[in-house]
């Protein structure tokens, strides 16, 4: 069967699935989406939408039987559910075994440790007594992270005092083993590295990107960035991806301490910081992921020659009112077509390409004033 007529099933109907479907259609691919609501962003752009609950084995199994290949837009579907639902060998990418290692922050940290990839010191929390041990081990300043499902700062708690630790104990009494503890890492900036790997073992990695956070949520991404430790980090990550035979796109969120790069978290999927690739690169992260899933060849070079510098501005809701565009924008808009607006909800993004980052930031700031969110 030609890759162009294979049915690619996507679990989830949010903006990541939407952009994947849009790129797939341009590549001549057929995508089907399984999601709860007909008005989900991806439903309007896929070949066929299927209603289903992503927490129910029966719904995923019924969907998977109709597909040639399965992928997902989020790492939040428990691997145990996918194991029971997707029965064909080599049908799901990234592989369910690798999803299981990464979606739980405890084995994720172990994975980094085993492959000697720099990350913050950590402790597994089994009981409230372990919280006291972590407080002592990390000199009263550490981070507690929810093992499953945390994102954009949700599920993350910075502990700086015994009072804060006591409050955490009261709030999560009996749920302590749902968290891991990490040493607090002071950092100068946040960065990311995105990799794509196919079954042939070919690997492509995008340049280093810098991200700017507001209220623990990605606000801007710009690049290309440089760091003295980036080549070593790339080598170590490529070696790990080869050893675990990872297939698909994967993002590594990093802390830049100035002298070092430290992996903060891993996302086994297309990623918010990769949205800039839609305009600054000849092959964006969504096509890279689809190429990996289909075991197509990956490029050795994908940069857009006109993109000397580039910036992505997220557009997140600030109210519950309908968004309004007051004037035309300077950058290229990617709108997610979400029906409901609300504070902190990602509604779209704008990409900019130009000669210097200062000018691009000014354009982004001016464009944000042209939109009522």
Protein backbone atom coordinates (compact mmCIF):
# COMPACT_ATOMS: atom_id res chain seq x y z
CA UNK A 1 0.00 0.00 0.00
CA UNK A 2 1.30 3.45 -0.91
CA UNK A 3 1.97 5.75 2.03
CA UNK A 4 -0.40 8.31 0.48
CA UNK A 5 -3.48 6.11 0.86
CA UNK A 6 -2.81 4.75 4.32
CA UNK A 7 -5.34 5.76 6.94
CA UNK A 8 -3.56 7.68 9.69
CA UNK A 9 -5.58 7.83 12.91
CA UNK A 10 -4.91 10.69 15.33
CA UNK A 11 -5.98 10.40 18.95
CA UNK A 12 -7.13 13.85 20.05
CA UNK A 13 -8.74 16.76 18.26
CA UNK A 14 -6.97 19.86 19.59
CA UNK A 15 -4.80 22.40 17.80
CA UNK A 16 -1.80 20.05 17.47
CA UNK A 17 -3.98 17.45 15.74
CA UNK A 18 -5.49 20.23 13.60
CA UNK A 19 -2.11 21.43 12.33
CA UNK A 20 -1.02 17.84 11.74
CA UNK A 21 -4.14 17.22 9.64
CA UNK A 22 -3.63 20.41 7.66
CA UNK A 23 -0.08 19.47 6.78
CA UNK A 24 -1.10 15.87 6.03
CA UNK A 25 -3.71 17.06 3.52
CA UNK A 26 -1.03 19.12 1.74
CA UNK A 27 1.10 15.96 1.58
CA UNK A 28 -1.76 13.96 0.05
CA UNK A 29 -2.34 11.92 3.21
CA UNK A 30 -5.61 10.72 4.72
CA UNK A 31 -6.14 11.52 8.41
CA UNK A 32 -8.92 10.43 10.74
CA UNK A 33 -9.42 12.01 14.17
CA UNK A 34 -10.89 10.49 17.32
CA UNK A 35 -12.07 13.10 19.82
CA UNK A 36 -15.04 13.80 22.11
CA UNK A 37 -16.61 16.84 20.40
CA UNK A 38 -17.58 17.59 16.81
CA UNK A 39 -16.43 21.20 17.30
CA UNK A 40 -12.88 20.20 18.30
CA UNK A 41 -10.32 22.14 16.18
CA UNK A 42 -9.12 19.14 14.15
CA UNK A 43 -12.59 17.90 13.16
CA UNK A 44 -13.02 20.47 10.38
CA UNK A 45 -9.75 19.70 8.59
CA UNK A 46 -9.36 15.90 8.83
CA UNK A 47 -10.67 13.46 6.20
CA UNK A 48 -13.12 11.99 8.71
CA UNK A 49 -13.95 12.72 12.34
CA UNK A 50 -14.91 9.95 14.78
CA UNK A 51 -16.56 10.64 18.11
CA UNK A 52 -15.00 8.84 21.05
CA UNK A 53 -13.75 9.05 24.61
CA UNK A 54 -9.94 8.88 24.80
CA UNK A 55 -10.16 7.33 28.25
CA UNK A 56 -12.25 4.39 27.04
CA UNK A 57 -10.54 1.27 25.70
CA UNK A 58 -13.57 0.28 23.60
CA UNK A 59 -13.65 3.61 21.73
CA UNK A 60 -9.94 3.56 20.91
CA UNK A 61 -10.02 -0.13 19.92
CA UNK A 62 -12.92 0.43 17.51
CA UNK A 63 -11.10 3.39 15.97
CA UNK A 64 -7.71 1.62 15.74
CA UNK A 65 -9.19 -1.36 13.88
CA UNK A 66 -10.12 0.94 10.99
CA UNK A 67 -6.69 2.59 10.76
CA UNK A 68 -3.35 1.57 9.25
CA UNK A 69 -1.34 3.73 11.64
CA UNK A 70 -2.07 5.50 14.92
CA UNK A 71 -0.43 8.56 16.46
CA UNK A 72 -1.47 11.07 19.15
CA UNK A 73 -1.31 14.78 19.89
CA UNK A 74 -0.93 14.42 23.66
CA UNK A 75 0.99 12.17 26.04
CA UNK A 76 -1.90 12.19 28.53
CA UNK A 77 -3.64 9.01 27.30
CA UNK A 78 -2.38 6.32 29.71
CA UNK A 79 -0.11 3.81 27.98
CA UNK A 80 -1.98 0.99 29.74
CA UNK A 81 -5.17 1.98 27.90
CA UNK A 82 -3.37 2.05 24.55
CA UNK A 83 -1.83 -1.37 25.24
CA UNK A 84 -5.33 -2.82 25.58
CA UNK A 85 -6.75 -0.85 22.64
CA UNK A 86 -4.13 -1.01 19.89
CA UNK A 87 -3.42 -4.65 19.19
CA UNK A 88 -1.55 -4.53 15.87
CA UNK A 89 2.22 -4.71 16.11
CA UNK A 90 3.98 -1.54 14.94
CA UNK A 91 0.72 0.33 14.42
CA UNK A 92 1.23 3.14 16.94
CA UNK A 93 4.01 5.76 16.79
CA UNK A 94 5.60 6.92 18.98
CA UNK A 95 5.60 3.37 20.34
CA UNK A 96 3.44 2.71 23.39
CA UNK A 97 6.47 1.36 25.28
CA UNK A 98 8.28 4.68 24.82
CA UNK A 99 5.17 6.66 25.74
CA UNK A 100 5.01 4.68 29.00
CA UNK A 101 8.59 5.68 29.84
CA UNK A 102 8.00 9.36 29.18
CA UNK A 103 4.42 10.19 30.26
CA UNK A 104 5.26 9.32 33.89
CA UNK A 105 7.88 11.75 35.17
CA UNK A 106 9.48 9.14 37.41
CA UNK A 107 10.61 6.73 34.64
CA UNK A 108 11.24 9.79 32.44
CA UNK A 109 13.84 11.01 34.92
CA UNK A 110 15.27 7.49 35.17
CA UNK A 111 15.55 7.39 31.36
CA UNK A 112 17.56 10.61 31.33
CA UNK A 113 19.74 9.36 34.18
CA UNK A 114 20.41 6.01 32.47
CA UNK A 115 21.56 7.76 29.30
CA UNK A 116 23.69 10.35 31.13
CA UNK A 117 21.64 13.27 29.84
CA UNK A 118 21.95 16.26 32.21
CA UNK A 119 18.84 16.82 34.32
CA UNK A 120 18.10 18.06 37.83
CA UNK A 121 18.72 15.74 40.82
CA UNK A 122 15.46 14.07 41.85
CA UNK A 123 13.73 11.81 44.36
CA UNK A 124 10.74 9.51 44.05
CA UNK A 125 8.08 10.36 46.63
CA UNK A 126 6.33 7.37 48.19
CA UNK A 127 4.97 8.90 51.38
CA UNK A 128 4.79 12.09 53.44
CA UNK A 129 8.05 11.07 55.15
CA UNK A 130 9.80 11.29 51.77
CA UNK A 131 8.66 14.91 51.52
CA UNK A 132 10.63 15.70 54.68
CA UNK A 133 13.64 13.84 53.27
CA UNK A 134 13.42 15.86 50.05
CA UNK A 135 13.18 19.11 52.04
CA UNK A 136 16.45 18.23 53.80
CA UNK A 137 18.20 16.81 50.74
CA UNK A 138 17.48 19.91 48.65
CA UNK A 139 18.20 22.42 51.43
CA UNK A 140 14.61 23.58 51.80
CA UNK A 141 14.20 24.69 48.18
CA UNK A 142 12.83 22.17 45.69
CA UNK A 143 10.08 21.46 43.18
CA UNK A 144 7.30 18.90 43.42
CA UNK A 145 5.93 17.74 40.06
CA UNK A 146 2.86 15.69 39.37
CA UNK A 147 3.98 12.45 37.74
CA UNK A 148 1.10 12.32 35.22
CA UNK A 149 -0.65 15.05 33.29
CA UNK A 150 1.09 18.24 34.38
CA UNK A 151 1.59 21.04 31.82
CA UNK A 152 2.06 24.84 31.63
CA UNK A 153 2.86 24.95 35.34
CA UNK A 154 -0.24 22.98 36.37
CA UNK A 155 0.78 20.18 38.73
CA UNK A 156 4.06 21.90 39.66
CA UNK A 157 4.71 23.29 43.14
CA UNK A 158 7.81 25.20 44.24
CA UNK A 159 8.61 24.65 47.91
CA UNK A 160 10.72 27.34 49.59
CA UNK A 161 9.76 27.00 53.26
CA UNK A 162 8.50 24.56 55.88
CA UNK A 163 5.17 26.41 55.83
CA UNK A 164 4.73 25.76 52.10
CA UNK A 165 5.67 22.11 52.64
CA UNK A 166 3.05 21.80 55.39
CA UNK A 167 0.41 23.34 53.09
CA UNK A 168 1.32 20.88 50.35
CA UNK A 169 1.03 17.95 52.77
CA UNK A 170 -2.45 19.02 53.82
CA UNK A 171 -3.64 19.56 50.25
CA UNK A 172 -2.29 16.26 48.90
CA UNK A 173 -2.63 14.02 51.95
CA UNK A 174 -2.58 10.41 50.80
CA UNK A 175 -1.55 11.42 47.26
CA UNK A 176 2.14 11.98 47.91
CA UNK A 177 3.18 9.13 45.60
CA UNK A 178 1.64 11.02 42.66
CA UNK A 179 4.65 13.37 42.73
CA UNK A 180 8.41 13.42 42.29
CA UNK A 181 10.77 15.92 43.91
CA UNK A 182 13.46 17.77 41.98
CA UNK A 183 16.17 20.17 43.04
CA UNK A 184 15.25 23.76 42.19
CA UNK A 185 17.39 24.92 39.24
CA UNK A 186 18.04 28.66 38.88
CA UNK A 187 18.21 29.35 35.15
CA UNK A 188 18.81 32.28 32.80
CA UNK A 189 16.40 31.19 30.09
CA UNK A 190 14.33 28.29 28.83
CA UNK A 191 15.18 26.55 25.57
CA UNK A 192 14.08 23.55 23.54
CA UNK A 193 15.46 20.99 21.12
CA UNK A 194 13.16 19.09 18.75
CA UNK A 195 14.14 15.77 17.16
CA UNK A 196 12.51 13.56 14.55
CA UNK A 197 13.46 9.88 14.11
CA UNK A 198 12.06 7.22 11.76
CA UNK A 199 12.25 3.41 11.87
CA UNK A 200 15.20 3.49 9.47
CA UNK A 201 17.16 5.21 12.21
CA UNK A 202 17.44 8.54 10.40
CA UNK A 203 17.38 11.52 12.77
CA UNK A 204 16.78 15.20 12.12
CA UNK A 205 17.04 17.85 14.81
CA UNK A 206 15.96 21.46 14.57
CA UNK A 207 18.24 24.23 15.84
CA UNK A 208 18.09 25.35 19.44
CA UNK A 209 15.08 27.57 20.22
CA UNK A 210 14.65 29.98 23.14
CA UNK A 211 11.23 30.27 24.75
CA UNK A 212 9.82 33.04 26.92
CA UNK A 213 7.23 32.09 29.55
CA UNK A 214 4.44 34.16 31.07
CA UNK A 215 2.57 32.69 34.05
CA UNK A 216 4.31 29.34 33.41
CA UNK A 217 2.94 29.27 29.84
CA UNK A 218 4.90 29.63 26.63
CA UNK A 219 4.41 33.16 25.26
CA UNK A 220 7.15 33.54 22.64
CA UNK A 221 9.73 31.37 20.90
CA UNK A 222 12.65 32.73 18.93
CA UNK A 223 15.78 31.46 17.23
CA UNK A 224 18.14 30.32 16.06
CA UNK A 225 19.84 30.24 19.47
CA UNK A 226 23.29 29.10 20.52
CA UNK A 227 24.75 27.46 23.62
CA UNK A 228 28.25 26.03 24.24
CA UNK A 229 26.77 22.71 25.44
CA UNK A 230 24.19 22.23 22.69
CA UNK A 231 26.30 19.92 20.49
CA UNK A 232 27.02 17.60 23.41
CA UNK A 233 23.35 17.60 24.37
CA UNK A 234 22.32 16.78 20.78
CA UNK A 235 24.77 13.87 20.64
CA UNK A 236 23.54 12.39 23.93
CA UNK A 237 19.87 12.71 22.95
CA UNK A 238 20.44 11.18 19.51
CA UNK A 239 22.20 8.24 21.14
CA UNK A 240 19.30 7.74 23.56
CA UNK A 241 16.67 7.92 20.80
CA UNK A 242 18.58 5.29 18.85
CA UNK A 243 18.93 2.97 21.84
CA UNK A 244 15.21 3.10 22.69
CA UNK A 245 14.29 3.00 18.96
CA UNK A 246 12.06 6.05 19.30
CA UNK A 247 9.89 6.89 16.27
CA UNK A 248 8.21 10.27 15.80
CA UNK A 249 8.84 13.84 16.82
CA UNK A 250 10.00 14.51 20.36
CA UNK A 251 10.70 17.75 22.23
CA UNK A 252 13.19 18.35 25.04
CA UNK A 253 12.43 21.38 27.19
CA UNK A 254 15.67 22.77 28.61
CA UNK A 255 16.95 25.09 31.31
CA UNK A 256 19.87 27.29 30.30
CA UNK A 257 21.90 27.95 33.46
CA UNK A 258 24.48 29.98 31.53
CA UNK A 259 27.20 27.35 31.62
CA UNK A 260 25.02 24.26 31.22
CA UNK A 261 21.93 22.93 29.50
CA UNK A 262 19.64 20.86 31.73
CA UNK A 263 16.66 18.83 30.51
CA UNK A 264 13.56 19.94 32.37
CA UNK A 265 10.93 17.77 30.70
CA UNK A 266 10.34 15.62 27.60
CA UNK A 267 7.24 15.76 25.39
CA UNK A 268 6.85 12.74 23.02
CA UNK A 269 4.89 14.67 20.36
CA UNK A 270 4.81 17.81 18.25
CA UNK A 271 5.37 20.80 20.50
CA UNK A 272 4.35 24.42 21.04
CA UNK A 273 7.94 25.63 20.64
CA UNK A 274 8.03 23.94 17.24
CA UNK A 275 5.24 26.06 15.73
CA UNK A 276 7.85 28.47 14.36
CA UNK A 277 8.94 25.69 11.97
CA UNK A 278 5.70 26.19 10.00
CA UNK A 279 7.19 29.32 8.39
CA UNK A 280 10.91 29.39 9.19
CA UNK A 281 11.65 25.92 7.79
CA UNK A 282 11.06 24.16 4.50
CA UNK A 283 9.78 21.12 6.41
CA UNK A 284 7.86 21.83 9.60
CA UNK A 285 7.54 19.69 12.72
CA UNK A 286 4.17 18.27 11.63
CA UNK A 287 5.52 16.94 8.34
CA UNK A 288 8.60 15.62 10.15
CA UNK A 289 6.36 13.69 12.52
CA UNK A 290 4.24 12.28 9.70
CA UNK A 291 7.38 11.28 7.78
CA UNK A 292 8.59 9.39 10.85
CA UNK A 293 5.24 7.64 11.36
CA UNK A 294 5.25 6.54 7.70
CA UNK A 295 8.98 5.67 7.79
CA UNK A 296 9.70 8.11 4.97
CA UNK A 297 13.18 9.55 4.50
CA UNK A 298 14.08 12.54 6.66
CA UNK A 299 15.97 15.53 5.25
CA UNK A 300 19.52 16.40 6.16
CA UNK A 301 18.66 20.10 5.87
CA UNK A 302 15.31 21.86 6.31
CA UNK A 303 15.99 25.53 7.04
CA UNK A 304 14.32 28.26 5.02
CA UNK A 305 17.11 30.38 3.51
CA UNK A 306 15.10 33.60 4.00
CA UNK A 307 14.69 32.96 7.73
CA UNK A 308 17.78 34.56 9.26
CA UNK A 309 15.89 35.10 12.51
CA UNK A 310 12.41 34.03 13.50
CA UNK A 311 9.89 34.47 16.28
CA UNK A 312 6.60 32.82 17.24
CA UNK A 313 4.03 34.69 19.33
CA UNK A 314 1.35 32.64 21.10
CA UNK A 315 -2.14 34.12 21.24
CA UNK A 316 -3.83 33.11 24.50
CA UNK A 317 -7.22 34.15 25.77
CA UNK A 318 -7.58 36.78 28.49
CA UNK A 319 -11.40 36.82 28.75
CA UNK A 320 -14.45 34.74 27.80
CA UNK A 321 -15.54 37.09 25.01
CA UNK A 322 -15.31 36.27 21.31
CA UNK A 323 -11.91 37.24 19.89
CA UNK A 324 -11.83 40.28 17.59
CA UNK A 325 -9.20 41.25 15.05
CA UNK A 326 -9.13 45.05 14.89
CA UNK A 327 -6.46 45.42 12.19
CA UNK A 328 -4.46 43.21 9.85
CA UNK A 329 -1.34 41.62 11.35
CA UNK A 330 2.28 41.98 10.30
CA UNK A 331 3.10 38.30 10.86
CA UNK A 332 1.57 35.10 9.50
CA UNK A 333 -1.43 34.06 11.59
CA UNK A 334 -2.22 30.42 12.43
CA UNK A 335 -5.70 30.36 14.02
CA UNK A 336 -6.98 27.25 15.83
CA UNK A 337 -10.70 27.95 15.24
CA UNK A 338 -11.74 27.19 18.82
CA UNK A 339 -15.36 27.99 19.59
CA UNK A 340 -14.82 28.96 23.21
CA UNK A 341 -12.35 31.57 24.41
CA UNK A 342 -11.18 31.73 28.03
CA UNK A 343 -8.18 33.02 30.01
CA UNK A 344 -4.90 31.20 29.22
CA UNK A 345 -6.47 29.10 26.45
CA UNK A 346 -4.23 28.95 23.38
CA UNK A 347 -6.27 30.35 20.49
CA UNK A 348 -3.60 30.69 17.81
CA UNK A 349 -0.10 31.89 17.08
CA UNK A 350 1.69 34.32 14.74
CA UNK A 351 5.04 33.64 13.07
CA UNK A 352 7.56 36.30 12.04
CA UNK A 353 10.69 36.11 9.91
CA UNK A 354 13.20 38.99 9.69
CA UNK A 355 16.67 40.35 10.08
CA UNK A 356 16.87 40.78 13.86
CA UNK A 357 15.01 39.63 16.96
CA UNK A 358 14.49 43.15 18.30
CA UNK A 359 12.41 44.14 15.26
CA UNK A 360 10.44 40.90 15.38
CA UNK A 361 9.58 41.42 19.05
CA UNK A 362 8.34 44.94 18.29
CA UNK A 363 6.13 43.58 15.50
CA UNK A 364 4.73 40.89 17.80
CA UNK A 365 3.98 43.43 20.54
CA UNK A 366 2.20 45.70 18.03
CA UNK A 367 0.16 42.81 16.62
CA UNK A 368 -1.04 41.71 20.06
CA UNK A 369 -2.64 45.16 20.46
CA UNK A 370 -4.60 44.55 17.24
CA UNK A 371 -6.39 41.52 18.74
CA UNK A 372 -8.95 41.46 21.55
CA UNK A 373 -8.59 38.15 23.35
